[in-house]
């Protein structure tokens, strides 16, 4: 029974590792993300177009020498450097560059037209305005200017539609950058998205044409694999840029999950010690419980203080709960051994070691399966959960059948149990039905 239980446990762990590896379908899913993301952005911010336009100026105040039509502010956004990512603060740290190109007629209304452009979710950091270049269109003869603005610091992502931690560390993040016009700049200017070295596409929403530009190649930085830097012009006052990041969970597995697996198995292996070794049994389980608590505290310190609990946090809570159940199992084993019920004590050992181990992994992977994580193959986790459920039921059925005699003795009333015959003082000692005189 012990060898079979160990083989099934190892097999279940191998199936789990295979279930979280990338599958062929994930490649096609990743390639379809840009189109899906554009539709999602349209749905998330559709309400902005439905709202009534608010007056940018107080009543009775009008713009002096307003132009006949809006002056175009051509915006060329680009993401340059990744500096950090914080799940707890929900910020992406890095450098964003916005190049603004405008006709010189804009200088008649604003001293520095490029300063009319703002990134709403730019938080703590530095904003630099670079030198201005003079441009000329030889075809039309229109003179223009170009100025780059560099944002270095934190970009808040609390409003991102894809920032859920429920599947951590098997999760995907979508970071957003809201490029807008400073009020009442919409009375003079109109934003226009430029696309250089990218793939431009147009879509029509409610009769309005929206321009989208996508740059696909980025790379792996700050613990994520980034791709699909995409900018979409929602209207004349708003441009939304975004990029997708798939978390590299290998480092988290090595730092937290693998050590926690070792500590969990150490707590269960304490049942392989002899029942008379009560102190080593309890000490091993307590050491595993303390180590799991320390690891969980380290994980919680990196995650948001509010919101849904992540799968990794839930895994640590389940593991710690089973370490407590292990302590209760040791107490039961000690009691059964002290009362002389050796058969029940061995049954308790089997159930606490192999049986509870099966139940632990069944709960952990069932919780992962019901979360329907995008980066985890739901078919693989479903097969794994079914395998663990069958293994759990099979184990308990087989072990109860093997120890049915011990269970029957424990359930029968005391008067039906055979009692040992204690010879009276001075009586002859009988060995195998013979007395001393028979020798």
Protein backbone atom coordinates (compact mmCIF):
# COMPACT_ATOMS: atom_id res chain seq x y z
CA UNK A 1 0.00 0.00 0.00
CA UNK A 2 2.83 2.40 0.85
CA UNK A 3 4.66 1.84 -2.44
CA UNK A 4 1.47 2.21 -4.48
CA UNK A 5 0.55 5.43 -2.66
CA UNK A 6 3.97 6.96 -3.32
CA UNK A 7 3.81 6.09 -7.04
CA UNK A 8 0.34 7.62 -7.41
CA UNK A 9 1.47 10.78 -5.59
CA UNK A 10 4.49 11.22 -7.88
CA UNK A 11 2.33 10.57 -10.94
CA UNK A 12 -0.17 13.25 -9.86
CA UNK A 13 2.60 15.83 -9.53
CA UNK A 14 3.91 15.00 -13.01
CA UNK A 15 0.41 15.42 -14.48
CA UNK A 16 0.15 18.85 -12.79
CA UNK A 17 3.43 20.05 -14.30
CA UNK A 18 2.29 18.91 -17.75
CA UNK A 19 -1.07 20.68 -17.31
CA UNK A 20 0.51 24.12 -16.78
CA UNK A 21 2.98 23.90 -19.66
CA UNK A 22 2.10 25.98 -22.76
CA UNK A 23 -0.06 24.10 -25.25
CA UNK A 24 -0.43 24.59 -29.00
CA UNK A 25 -3.78 26.26 -28.53
CA UNK A 26 -2.17 28.95 -26.41
CA UNK A 27 -0.12 30.11 -29.40
CA UNK A 28 -3.18 30.75 -31.49
CA UNK A 29 -4.88 32.35 -28.52
CA UNK A 30 -1.92 34.68 -28.01
CA UNK A 31 -1.96 35.66 -31.69
CA UNK A 32 -5.63 36.55 -31.46
CA UNK A 33 -5.13 38.82 -28.48
CA UNK A 34 -4.65 42.13 -30.38
CA UNK A 35 -8.09 41.95 -32.06
CA UNK A 36 -9.68 40.82 -28.83
CA UNK A 37 -8.00 43.64 -26.96
CA UNK A 38 -9.23 46.30 -29.40
CA UNK A 39 -12.80 45.07 -28.99
CA UNK A 40 -12.40 45.04 -25.22
CA UNK A 41 -11.08 48.60 -25.16
CA UNK A 42 -14.02 49.68 -27.25
CA UNK A 43 -16.44 48.07 -24.81
CA UNK A 44 -14.68 49.37 -21.69
CA UNK A 45 -14.61 52.99 -22.80
CA UNK A 46 -17.76 53.16 -24.89
CA UNK A 47 -19.45 54.98 -22.01
CA UNK A 48 -17.15 57.94 -22.50
CA UNK A 49 -18.67 58.68 -25.89
CA UNK A 50 -22.20 58.27 -24.60
CA UNK A 51 -21.77 60.90 -21.90
CA UNK A 52 -22.83 64.43 -22.70
CA UNK A 53 -20.01 66.85 -23.44
CA UNK A 54 -19.28 69.00 -20.43
CA UNK A 55 -18.36 72.62 -20.84
CA UNK A 56 -14.60 73.08 -20.39
CA UNK A 57 -14.94 76.79 -19.58
CA UNK A 58 -17.11 78.61 -17.04
CA UNK A 59 -20.35 80.13 -18.27
CA UNK A 60 -19.84 83.36 -20.14
CA UNK A 61 -16.17 82.69 -20.94
CA UNK A 62 -15.15 81.96 -24.52
CA UNK A 63 -11.86 81.28 -26.25
CA UNK A 64 -10.27 84.35 -27.79
CA UNK A 65 -9.62 84.08 -31.55
CA UNK A 66 -10.79 80.49 -31.80
CA UNK A 67 -9.74 78.68 -35.00
CA UNK A 68 -12.30 77.75 -37.63
CA UNK A 69 -11.41 74.09 -37.22
CA UNK A 70 -9.40 72.04 -34.74
CA UNK A 71 -5.63 71.98 -35.18
CA UNK A 72 -4.28 68.47 -35.48
CA UNK A 73 -1.86 67.23 -32.80
CA UNK A 74 -0.18 64.16 -34.24
CA UNK A 75 0.79 61.78 -31.40
CA UNK A 76 3.49 59.11 -31.76
CA UNK A 77 3.67 57.10 -28.51
CA UNK A 78 6.35 54.50 -27.77
CA UNK A 79 7.36 52.42 -24.75
CA UNK A 80 11.12 52.40 -24.21
CA UNK A 81 12.26 50.84 -20.94
CA UNK A 82 10.83 48.57 -18.24
CA UNK A 83 12.00 49.53 -14.77
CA UNK A 84 9.74 47.48 -12.52
CA UNK A 85 6.32 46.03 -11.83
CA UNK A 86 4.46 45.97 -8.50
CA UNK A 87 1.42 43.74 -7.97
CA UNK A 88 0.79 45.23 -4.55
CA UNK A 89 0.80 48.87 -5.70
CA UNK A 90 -0.68 48.02 -9.13
CA UNK A 91 1.87 50.10 -11.02
CA UNK A 92 4.20 49.59 -13.96
CA UNK A 93 7.49 51.44 -13.79
CA UNK A 94 9.26 52.49 -16.95
CA UNK A 95 9.79 55.13 -19.63
CA UNK A 96 7.14 56.31 -22.07
CA UNK A 97 7.95 58.72 -24.91
CA UNK A 98 5.31 60.77 -26.72
CA UNK A 99 6.29 62.68 -29.84
CA UNK A 100 3.93 65.53 -30.70
CA UNK A 101 3.89 66.98 -34.23
CA UNK A 102 1.87 70.13 -34.89
CA UNK A 103 1.65 72.96 -37.42
CA UNK A 104 3.24 76.23 -36.38
CA UNK A 105 -0.16 77.93 -36.51
CA UNK A 106 -0.78 76.25 -33.15
CA UNK A 107 1.76 78.66 -31.61
CA UNK A 108 -0.76 81.48 -32.13
CA UNK A 109 -2.99 79.92 -29.48
CA UNK A 110 -0.63 78.04 -27.11
CA UNK A 111 2.97 78.83 -26.28
CA UNK A 112 3.95 75.15 -26.00
CA UNK A 113 1.36 73.02 -27.81
CA UNK A 114 3.08 69.75 -26.87
CA UNK A 115 2.30 70.46 -23.20
CA UNK A 116 -1.41 70.14 -23.96
CA UNK A 117 -0.90 66.37 -24.14
CA UNK A 118 -1.22 64.52 -20.85
CA UNK A 119 -0.95 60.91 -19.66
CA UNK A 120 -3.72 60.60 -17.09
CA UNK A 121 -2.45 57.54 -15.22
CA UNK A 122 1.14 58.79 -14.90
CA UNK A 123 1.85 58.96 -11.18
CA UNK A 124 5.08 59.50 -9.31
CA UNK A 125 8.09 60.24 -11.50
CA UNK A 126 9.72 62.74 -13.82
CA UNK A 127 8.34 64.45 -16.92
CA UNK A 128 10.88 65.85 -19.37
CA UNK A 129 10.23 68.02 -22.42
CA UNK A 130 12.98 67.55 -24.96
CA UNK A 131 14.17 69.97 -27.66
CA UNK A 132 11.82 71.15 -30.44
CA UNK A 133 12.63 70.41 -34.07
CA UNK A 134 11.42 72.44 -37.05
CA UNK A 135 9.80 70.46 -39.87
CA UNK A 136 8.71 71.35 -43.38
CA UNK A 137 6.43 69.60 -45.81
CA UNK A 138 7.91 70.23 -49.29
CA UNK A 139 4.63 69.24 -50.96
CA UNK A 140 2.32 71.62 -49.13
CA UNK A 141 4.93 74.06 -47.84
CA UNK A 142 3.39 73.91 -44.35
CA UNK A 143 5.88 74.37 -41.54
CA UNK A 144 5.54 72.23 -38.44
CA UNK A 145 7.32 71.49 -35.19
CA UNK A 146 8.04 68.30 -33.30
CA UNK A 147 8.69 67.94 -29.56
CA UNK A 148 9.26 64.77 -27.53
CA UNK A 149 8.01 64.39 -23.98
CA UNK A 150 9.51 61.65 -21.82
CA UNK A 151 7.64 60.18 -18.83
CA UNK A 152 9.86 58.25 -16.40
CA UNK A 153 8.21 56.75 -13.34
CA UNK A 154 5.09 54.90 -12.21
CA UNK A 155 2.00 54.33 -14.33
CA UNK A 156 -1.04 53.37 -12.26
CA UNK A 157 -2.93 50.27 -13.46
CA UNK A 158 -5.75 50.11 -10.92
CA UNK A 159 -8.30 50.83 -13.69
CA UNK A 160 -7.00 48.14 -16.02
CA UNK A 161 -9.76 45.66 -16.94
CA UNK A 162 -7.27 42.75 -16.75
CA UNK A 163 -5.52 43.02 -13.40
CA UNK A 164 -7.12 40.14 -11.50
CA UNK A 165 -4.87 38.18 -9.13
CA UNK A 166 -7.12 35.12 -8.79
CA UNK A 167 -4.88 32.95 -11.01
CA UNK A 168 -1.55 34.17 -9.63
CA UNK A 169 1.11 33.05 -10.58
CA UNK A 170 -0.49 31.76 -13.81
CA UNK A 171 -1.93 35.14 -14.81
CA UNK A 172 -1.84 37.72 -17.59
CA UNK A 173 -1.77 41.47 -17.17
CA UNK A 174 -2.91 44.24 -19.52
CA UNK A 175 -1.40 47.65 -18.80
CA UNK A 176 -3.12 50.83 -20.01
CA UNK A 177 -1.90 54.35 -20.81
CA UNK A 178 -4.55 57.06 -21.26
CA UNK A 179 -3.26 59.89 -23.47
CA UNK A 180 -5.60 62.87 -23.33
CA UNK A 181 -5.85 66.59 -24.07
CA UNK A 182 -5.55 69.09 -21.27
CA UNK A 183 -8.84 70.96 -20.76
CA UNK A 184 -9.96 73.15 -22.55
CA UNK A 185 -7.48 72.11 -25.24
CA UNK A 186 -10.23 70.34 -27.20
CA UNK A 187 -11.47 73.80 -28.26
CA UNK A 188 -8.29 74.27 -30.29
CA UNK A 189 -6.70 70.88 -30.89
CA UNK A 190 -7.68 67.39 -31.92
CA UNK A 191 -5.51 64.36 -31.23
CA UNK A 192 -4.48 62.17 -34.13
CA UNK A 193 -2.70 58.83 -33.72
CA UNK A 194 0.41 58.33 -35.83
CA UNK A 195 1.75 54.89 -36.74
CA UNK A 196 5.46 54.52 -37.52
CA UNK A 197 7.05 51.07 -37.93
CA UNK A 198 3.82 49.45 -36.81
CA UNK A 199 0.77 47.73 -38.28
CA UNK A 200 -2.12 50.15 -38.78
CA UNK A 201 -5.74 49.06 -38.97
CA UNK A 202 -9.11 50.79 -38.92
CA UNK A 203 -12.39 49.75 -37.38
CA UNK A 204 -15.82 51.35 -37.48
CA UNK A 205 -17.85 51.76 -34.29
CA UNK A 206 -21.22 53.53 -34.44
CA UNK A 207 -20.27 55.08 -37.76
CA UNK A 208 -16.95 56.43 -36.46
CA UNK A 209 -13.61 55.22 -37.77
CA UNK A 210 -11.08 54.27 -35.12
CA UNK A 211 -7.41 53.93 -35.92
CA UNK A 212 -5.29 51.24 -34.23
CA UNK A 213 -1.53 50.77 -34.44
CA UNK A 214 0.21 47.63 -33.16
CA UNK A 215 3.85 46.82 -32.49
CA UNK A 216 4.21 43.12 -31.64
CA UNK A 217 7.86 42.51 -30.66
CA UNK A 218 8.86 43.46 -27.12
CA UNK A 219 10.46 40.80 -24.89
CA UNK A 220 10.75 39.48 -21.33
CA UNK A 221 11.24 42.10 -18.62
CA UNK A 222 10.47 42.51 -14.88
CA UNK A 223 9.03 39.00 -14.62
CA UNK A 224 6.65 39.18 -17.61
CA UNK A 225 6.75 38.33 -21.29
CA UNK A 226 5.46 41.52 -22.93
CA UNK A 227 3.93 41.77 -26.38
CA UNK A 228 1.42 43.69 -28.50
CA UNK A 229 2.11 47.36 -27.77
CA UNK A 230 -1.15 48.68 -29.20
CA UNK A 231 -2.57 52.20 -29.40
CA UNK A 232 -6.18 52.97 -30.34
CA UNK A 233 -7.66 56.41 -30.95
CA UNK A 234 -11.01 56.44 -29.18
CA UNK A 235 -11.93 60.01 -30.20
CA UNK A 236 -10.35 63.43 -30.77
CA UNK A 237 -9.48 63.73 -27.07
CA UNK A 238 -8.43 60.24 -26.02
CA UNK A 239 -5.84 57.71 -27.19
CA UNK A 240 -5.49 54.48 -25.22
CA UNK A 241 -2.28 52.47 -25.44
CA UNK A 242 -1.89 49.04 -23.90
CA UNK A 243 0.35 46.01 -23.84
CA UNK A 244 -0.05 42.42 -22.70
CA UNK A 245 2.20 40.73 -20.16
CA UNK A 246 2.25 37.00 -19.40
CA UNK A 247 3.86 36.29 -16.04
CA UNK A 248 7.01 34.16 -15.99
CA UNK A 249 5.96 31.81 -13.19
CA UNK A 250 9.18 29.77 -13.17
CA UNK A 251 10.93 32.07 -10.70
CA UNK A 252 7.89 32.04 -8.37
CA UNK A 253 7.76 28.24 -8.58
CA UNK A 254 11.43 27.99 -7.57
CA UNK A 255 11.17 30.59 -4.80
CA UNK A 256 7.84 29.65 -3.20
CA UNK A 257 6.03 26.66 -4.65
CA UNK A 258 8.88 24.14 -4.69
CA UNK A 259 10.03 24.92 -1.10
CA UNK A 260 6.42 24.78 0.09
CA UNK A 261 6.03 21.40 -1.61
CA UNK A 262 9.10 20.13 0.25
CA UNK A 263 7.80 21.39 3.60
CA UNK A 264 4.36 19.90 2.97
CA UNK A 265 5.81 16.49 2.13
CA UNK A 266 8.07 16.74 5.19
CA UNK A 267 4.99 17.21 7.37
CA UNK A 268 3.35 14.10 5.93
CA UNK A 269 6.53 12.01 6.10
CA UNK A 270 6.45 12.40 9.88
CA UNK A 271 3.86 9.58 9.87
CA UNK A 272 6.52 7.17 8.65
CA UNK A 273 8.32 7.49 11.99
CA UNK A 274 7.57 4.93 14.69
CA UNK A 275 4.59 5.80 16.84
CA UNK A 276 6.82 5.68 19.93
CA UNK A 277 8.86 8.61 18.51
CA UNK A 278 6.24 11.15 19.53
CA UNK A 279 8.63 14.08 19.93
CA UNK A 280 10.25 13.84 16.43
CA UNK A 281 6.81 13.35 14.87
CA UNK A 282 5.33 16.51 16.38
CA UNK A 283 8.52 18.54 15.89
CA UNK A 284 8.69 17.69 12.17
CA UNK A 285 5.08 18.73 11.62
CA UNK A 286 5.52 21.96 13.58
CA UNK A 287 8.65 22.83 11.59
CA UNK A 288 6.73 22.31 8.34
CA UNK A 289 3.86 24.51 9.63
CA UNK A 290 6.19 27.35 10.63
CA UNK A 291 8.05 27.20 7.31
CA UNK A 292 4.80 27.31 5.32
CA UNK A 293 3.63 30.30 7.36
CA UNK A 294 6.86 32.16 6.62
CA UNK A 295 6.58 31.46 2.89
CA UNK A 296 2.95 32.58 2.80
CA UNK A 297 3.81 35.84 4.56
CA UNK A 298 6.48 36.51 1.93
CA UNK A 299 3.97 35.95 -0.87
CA UNK A 300 1.25 38.08 0.73
CA UNK A 301 3.70 40.98 1.10
CA UNK A 302 3.98 41.21 -2.71
CA UNK A 303 0.24 41.01 -3.50
CA UNK A 304 -2.53 43.64 -3.28
CA UNK A 305 -4.02 44.10 0.18
CA UNK A 306 -7.57 43.99 -1.22
CA UNK A 307 -9.38 42.05 -3.90
CA UNK A 308 -9.91 38.36 -4.55
CA UNK A 309 -7.55 35.85 -2.97
CA UNK A 310 -5.02 34.35 -5.37
CA UNK A 311 -4.64 30.64 -6.05
CA UNK A 312 -1.14 30.59 -4.51
CA UNK A 313 -2.43 32.17 -1.29
CA UNK A 314 -5.23 29.61 -1.20
CA UNK A 315 -2.70 26.82 -1.72
CA UNK A 316 -0.71 27.98 1.32
CA UNK A 317 -3.86 28.21 3.44
CA UNK A 318 -4.87 24.65 2.49
CA UNK A 319 -1.34 23.34 3.19
CA UNK A 320 -1.26 25.00 6.61
CA UNK A 321 -4.69 23.57 7.42
CA UNK A 322 -3.50 20.07 6.60
CA UNK A 323 -0.44 20.55 8.81
CA UNK A 324 -2.89 21.21 11.67
CA UNK A 325 -4.79 18.06 10.70
CA UNK A 326 -1.47 16.20 10.80
CA UNK A 327 -1.00 17.29 14.41
CA UNK A 328 -4.49 15.99 15.17
CA UNK A 329 -3.59 12.75 13.38
CA UNK A 330 -0.51 12.32 15.56
CA UNK A 331 -2.63 12.78 18.68
CA UNK A 332 -5.05 10.09 17.47
CA UNK A 333 -2.19 7.70 16.70
CA UNK A 334 -0.66 8.22 20.14
CA UNK A 335 -4.02 7.59 21.81
CA UNK A 336 -4.71 4.40 19.87
CA UNK A 337 -1.23 3.10 20.60
CA UNK A 338 -1.56 3.85 24.32
CA UNK A 339 -4.88 1.98 24.50
CA UNK A 340 -3.40 -1.05 22.76
CA UNK A 341 -5.39 -0.81 19.49
CA UNK A 342 -2.51 -1.54 17.18
CA UNK A 343 -4.67 -2.30 14.14
CA UNK A 344 -6.54 0.98 14.38
CA UNK A 345 -3.28 2.83 14.98
CA UNK A 346 -1.82 1.45 11.74
CA UNK A 347 -5.06 2.34 9.93
CA UNK A 348 -4.85 5.91 11.27
CA UNK A 349 -1.24 6.16 10.08
CA UNK A 350 -2.19 5.03 6.57
CA UNK A 351 -5.11 7.46 6.36
CA UNK A 352 -3.12 10.41 7.73
CA UNK A 353 -0.18 9.83 5.41
CA UNK A 354 -1.46 8.60 2.04
CA UNK A 355 -5.17 9.38 2.39
CA UNK A 356 -4.86 12.98 3.55
CA UNK A 357 -2.11 13.57 0.96
CA UNK A 358 -4.51 12.53 -1.79
CA UNK A 359 -7.22 14.81 -0.37
CA UNK A 360 -4.78 17.75 -0.14
CA UNK A 361 -3.80 17.65 -3.82
CA UNK A 362 -7.40 17.02 -4.86
CA UNK A 363 -8.50 20.24 -3.12
CA UNK A 364 -5.55 22.30 -4.41
CA UNK A 365 -5.97 21.35 -8.07
CA UNK A 366 -9.76 21.44 -7.93
CA UNK A 367 -9.52 25.06 -6.78
CA UNK A 368 -7.15 25.80 -9.66
CA UNK A 369 -9.52 24.15 -12.14
CA UNK A 370 -12.65 26.05 -11.06
CA UNK A 371 -10.86 29.40 -11.49
CA UNK A 372 -10.67 28.77 -15.27
CA UNK A 373 -7.31 30.47 -15.65
CA UNK A 374 -6.55 31.63 -19.17
CA UNK A 375 -2.94 30.37 -19.13
CA UNK A 376 -3.72 26.96 -17.59
CA UNK A 377 -5.10 24.18 -19.75
CA UNK A 378 -8.53 23.49 -18.25
CA UNK A 379 -8.66 20.06 -19.90
CA UNK A 380 -5.41 19.05 -18.24
CA UNK A 381 -6.52 20.25 -14.81
CA UNK A 382 -9.89 18.54 -15.29
CA UNK A 383 -8.18 15.23 -16.05
CA UNK A 384 -5.88 15.71 -13.06
CA UNK A 385 -8.80 16.42 -10.71
CA UNK A 386 -10.67 13.34 -11.97
CA UNK A 387 -7.55 11.20 -11.50
CA UNK A 388 -7.05 12.48 -7.95
CA UNK A 389 -10.73 11.94 -7.09
CA UNK A 390 -10.62 8.34 -8.33
CA UNK A 391 -7.33 7.75 -6.53
CA UNK A 392 -8.71 9.16 -3.27
CA UNK A 393 -11.84 7.00 -3.33
CA UNK A 394 -9.86 3.91 -4.38
CA UNK A 395 -7.37 4.37 -1.57
CA UNK A 396 -9.94 4.74 1.18
CA UNK A 397 -11.99 1.80 -0.08
CA UNK A 398 -8.93 -0.45 -0.25
CA UNK A 399 -7.52 0.58 3.12
CA UNK A 400 -10.85 0.11 4.91
CA UNK A 401 -11.23 -3.31 3.34
CA UNK A 402 -7.69 -4.26 4.41
CA UNK A 403 -8.33 -3.16 8.01
CA UNK A 404 -11.95 -4.26 8.26
CA UNK A 405 -11.21 -6.62 11.14
CA UNK A 406 -9.71 -3.80 13.22
CA UNK A 407 -12.70 -1.59 12.39
CA UNK A 408 -15.11 -4.38 13.32
CA UNK A 409 -13.47 -4.85 16.70
CA UNK A 410 -13.64 -1.13 17.41
CA UNK A 411 -17.33 -0.95 16.53
CA UNK A 412 -18.46 -4.07 18.48
CA UNK A 413 -19.62 -3.60 22.07
CA UNK A 414 -17.11 -4.57 24.71
CA UNK A 415 -19.14 -7.62 25.93
CA UNK A 416 -18.80 -9.30 22.53
CA UNK A 417 -15.02 -8.95 22.41
CA UNK A 418 -12.86 -11.95 23.51
CA UNK A 419 -11.29 -11.40 26.89
CA UNK A 420 -7.97 -12.73 28.08
CA UNK A 421 -8.07 -15.33 30.91
CA UNK A 422 -5.90 -14.25 33.80
CA UNK A 423 -4.77 -17.25 35.93
CA UNK A 424 -5.40 -17.10 39.63
CA UNK A 425 -2.45 -16.68 41.96
CA UNK A 426 -0.69 -20.00 42.48
CA UNK A 427 -2.41 -21.70 39.53
CA UNK A 428 -0.35 -23.78 37.18
CA UNK A 429 0.81 -21.96 34.06
CA UNK A 430 -0.61 -23.38 30.81
CA UNK A 431 1.40 -23.31 27.61
CA UNK A 432 -0.38 -24.40 24.42
CA UNK A 433 -3.02 -26.16 26.48
CA UNK A 434 -0.51 -28.15 28.57
CA UNK A 435 0.38 -27.88 32.19
CA UNK A 436 3.73 -28.39 33.80
CA UNK A 437 2.79 -31.94 34.89
CA UNK A 438 2.19 -32.94 31.25
CA UNK A 439 5.85 -32.41 30.49
